[in-house]
């Protein structure tokens, strides 16, 4: 449903098509989640947490993964998505620009940095790639059960980050 409020580029339809072939289950799971939220409260937000709560947990995750130097803001997903789509040849440059809702090529080029993404992947993938692929592959099950097995090292980092927040 449109709110009648345009973006800075004058766009009103901000629909995001969930068409990533690597996660074909995303649309269905997101729909189930939205339906469950709306059953509880017709005016419910999609997520039961605030932006501040999300940011707090996001920062804790980043610290636990040991990627603070490259993951400085959740907003980077906007950049990373464009770079990932380009690097993996999932979309054309024009499609990336449309998906990012960038009105001019120069704006899209700011975010489309597949070389930088490849450097980060090369640096961190050996540590977390298997875990990440496992989560992607089994996410529907983890979503439905509310559980996800964590590597021992990650669990320890998470617990350490939790203790640091308390002190």
Protein backbone atom coordinates (compact mmCIF):
# COMPACT_ATOMS: atom_id res chain seq x y z
CA UNK A 1 0.00 0.00 0.00
CA UNK A 2 1.40 3.36 -0.95
CA UNK A 3 1.65 6.03 1.70
CA UNK A 4 1.57 8.88 -0.79
CA UNK A 5 5.06 10.00 0.20
CA UNK A 6 7.68 10.14 -2.52
CA UNK A 7 11.40 9.56 -2.17
CA UNK A 8 13.98 12.27 -2.79
CA UNK A 9 14.04 11.05 -6.40
CA UNK A 10 10.26 11.44 -6.67
CA UNK A 11 9.55 7.69 -6.63
CA UNK A 12 6.35 6.49 -4.99
CA UNK A 13 6.39 2.74 -5.62
CA UNK A 14 9.14 1.36 -3.43
CA UNK A 15 8.34 -2.28 -3.94
CA UNK A 16 11.34 -4.57 -3.78
CA UNK A 17 11.06 -7.72 -5.86
CA UNK A 18 12.33 -10.76 -3.95
CA UNK A 19 13.91 -12.54 -6.89
CA UNK A 20 17.28 -13.74 -5.64
CA UNK A 21 17.70 -17.24 -7.05
CA UNK A 22 19.99 -18.16 -4.15
CA UNK A 23 17.12 -17.78 -1.66
CA UNK A 24 13.97 -18.93 -3.49
CA UNK A 25 12.21 -19.47 -0.16
CA UNK A 26 12.48 -15.82 0.94
CA UNK A 27 9.17 -14.60 -0.47
CA UNK A 28 7.20 -17.45 1.10
CA UNK A 29 8.84 -17.13 4.52
CA UNK A 30 8.47 -13.36 4.57
CA UNK A 31 4.79 -13.79 3.67
CA UNK A 32 4.27 -16.29 6.49
CA UNK A 33 6.01 -13.95 8.90
CA UNK A 34 3.89 -10.98 7.82
CA UNK A 35 0.69 -13.02 8.10
CA UNK A 36 1.62 -14.14 11.61
CA UNK A 37 2.37 -10.56 12.67
CA UNK A 38 -0.93 -9.31 11.24
CA UNK A 39 -2.90 -12.06 13.01
CA UNK A 40 -1.61 -10.71 16.32
CA UNK A 41 -2.37 -7.10 15.44
CA UNK A 42 -3.74 -5.69 12.20
CA UNK A 43 -1.60 -2.58 12.64
CA UNK A 44 1.57 -4.48 13.51
CA UNK A 45 4.88 -3.54 12.01
CA UNK A 46 6.66 -6.21 10.03
CA UNK A 47 9.22 -6.64 12.81
CA UNK A 48 8.60 -6.69 16.58
CA UNK A 49 11.71 -4.64 17.35
CA UNK A 50 12.70 -1.02 16.93
CA UNK A 51 15.44 0.29 14.68
CA UNK A 52 17.54 1.00 17.78
CA UNK A 53 17.12 -2.58 19.01
CA UNK A 54 18.05 -3.90 15.59
CA UNK A 55 21.17 -1.73 15.48
CA UNK A 56 22.25 -2.89 18.94
CA UNK A 57 21.99 -6.57 17.97
CA UNK A 58 23.55 -5.92 14.55
CA UNK A 59 26.59 -4.34 16.23
CA UNK A 60 26.87 -7.27 18.60
CA UNK A 61 26.77 -9.69 15.65
CA UNK A 62 29.44 -7.71 13.81
CA UNK A 63 31.66 -7.78 16.89
CA UNK A 64 31.07 -11.50 17.38
CA UNK A 65 32.01 -12.19 13.77
CA UNK A 66 35.13 -10.03 14.10
CA UNK A 67 34.29 -7.90 11.07
CA UNK A 68 34.02 -4.47 12.72
CA UNK A 69 36.53 -2.90 10.36
CA UNK A 70 34.44 -3.66 7.27
CA UNK A 71 30.90 -3.71 8.68
CA UNK A 72 30.32 -0.24 10.06
CA UNK A 73 26.62 0.23 9.33
CA UNK A 74 23.62 -1.90 8.34
CA UNK A 75 23.15 0.59 5.51
CA UNK A 76 26.12 -1.10 3.86
CA UNK A 77 23.73 -3.84 2.76
CA UNK A 78 22.48 -1.37 0.17
CA UNK A 79 26.01 -1.06 -1.16
CA UNK A 80 26.85 -4.72 -0.74
CA UNK A 81 23.74 -5.87 -2.56
CA UNK A 82 24.64 -3.88 -5.65
CA UNK A 83 28.23 -5.10 -5.54
CA UNK A 84 27.17 -8.70 -4.96
CA UNK A 85 24.69 -8.63 -7.83
CA UNK A 86 27.40 -7.26 -10.13
CA UNK A 87 30.15 -9.61 -8.93
CA UNK A 88 27.95 -12.72 -9.24
CA UNK A 89 26.43 -11.46 -12.51
CA UNK A 90 22.94 -11.76 -11.03
CA UNK A 91 21.74 -8.50 -12.61
CA UNK A 92 22.77 -6.10 -15.33
CA UNK A 93 24.11 -2.68 -14.33
CA UNK A 94 20.78 -1.18 -15.42
CA UNK A 95 18.85 -3.69 -13.29
CA UNK A 96 21.10 -2.95 -10.32
CA UNK A 97 20.43 0.75 -10.80
CA UNK A 98 16.67 0.18 -10.92
CA UNK A 99 16.73 -2.12 -7.90
CA UNK A 100 18.73 0.43 -5.92
CA UNK A 101 16.36 3.17 -7.08
CA UNK A 102 19.28 5.30 -8.23
CA UNK A 103 18.07 7.89 -10.69
CA UNK A 104 21.46 8.51 -12.30
CA UNK A 105 24.32 6.23 -13.30
CA UNK A 106 26.78 8.13 -11.12
CA UNK A 107 24.78 7.25 -7.99
CA UNK A 108 24.73 3.57 -8.87
CA UNK A 109 28.48 3.56 -9.52
CA UNK A 110 29.12 4.89 -6.01
CA UNK A 111 27.58 1.73 -4.56
CA UNK A 112 28.61 -0.83 -7.16
CA UNK A 113 32.07 -1.90 -5.99
CA UNK A 114 32.55 -5.57 -6.84
CA UNK A 115 36.34 -5.33 -6.45
CA UNK A 116 36.03 -4.12 -2.87
CA UNK A 117 33.52 -6.86 -2.15
CA UNK A 118 35.89 -9.47 -3.56
CA UNK A 119 38.68 -8.21 -1.27
CA UNK A 120 36.41 -8.57 1.76
CA UNK A 121 35.29 -12.03 0.68
CA UNK A 122 38.90 -13.13 0.22
CA UNK A 123 39.80 -11.83 3.65
CA UNK A 124 36.90 -13.24 5.68
CA UNK A 125 35.31 -16.07 3.71
CA UNK A 126 37.49 -18.88 4.99
CA UNK A 127 36.29 -18.18 8.51
CA UNK A 128 32.54 -17.80 8.00
CA UNK A 129 31.69 -18.98 4.49
CA UNK A 130 30.64 -22.51 5.46
CA UNK A 131 28.49 -21.20 8.30
CA UNK A 132 26.89 -18.58 6.05
CA UNK A 133 26.12 -21.09 3.33
CA UNK A 134 24.65 -23.45 5.92
CA UNK A 135 22.36 -20.70 7.20
CA UNK A 136 21.28 -19.77 3.67
CA UNK A 137 20.62 -23.38 2.72
CA UNK A 138 18.72 -24.31 5.88
CA UNK A 139 17.14 -20.96 6.76
CA UNK A 140 13.53 -22.13 6.28
CA UNK A 141 14.06 -24.83 8.90
CA UNK A 142 15.83 -22.43 11.26
CA UNK A 143 13.04 -19.91 10.80
CA UNK A 144 10.32 -22.43 11.59
CA UNK A 145 12.13 -23.95 14.58
CA UNK A 146 13.56 -20.70 15.92
CA UNK A 147 17.00 -22.26 16.21
CA UNK A 148 20.28 -22.12 14.33
CA UNK A 149 23.39 -24.08 15.26
CA UNK A 150 26.33 -21.75 15.78
CA UNK A 151 29.99 -22.66 15.37
CA UNK A 152 31.68 -22.92 18.77
CA UNK A 153 33.94 -19.95 18.04
CA UNK A 154 30.97 -17.77 17.13
CA UNK A 155 29.01 -18.82 20.20
CA UNK A 156 31.97 -17.90 22.42
CA UNK A 157 32.37 -14.53 20.68
CA UNK A 158 28.65 -13.86 21.07
CA UNK A 159 28.77 -14.66 24.78
CA UNK A 160 31.87 -12.52 25.25
CA UNK A 161 30.21 -9.59 23.45
CA UNK A 162 27.15 -10.05 25.68
CA UNK A 163 29.26 -9.93 28.83
CA UNK A 164 31.11 -6.82 27.63
CA UNK A 165 27.78 -5.04 27.12
CA UNK A 166 26.74 -5.84 30.70
CA UNK A 167 29.94 -4.54 32.28
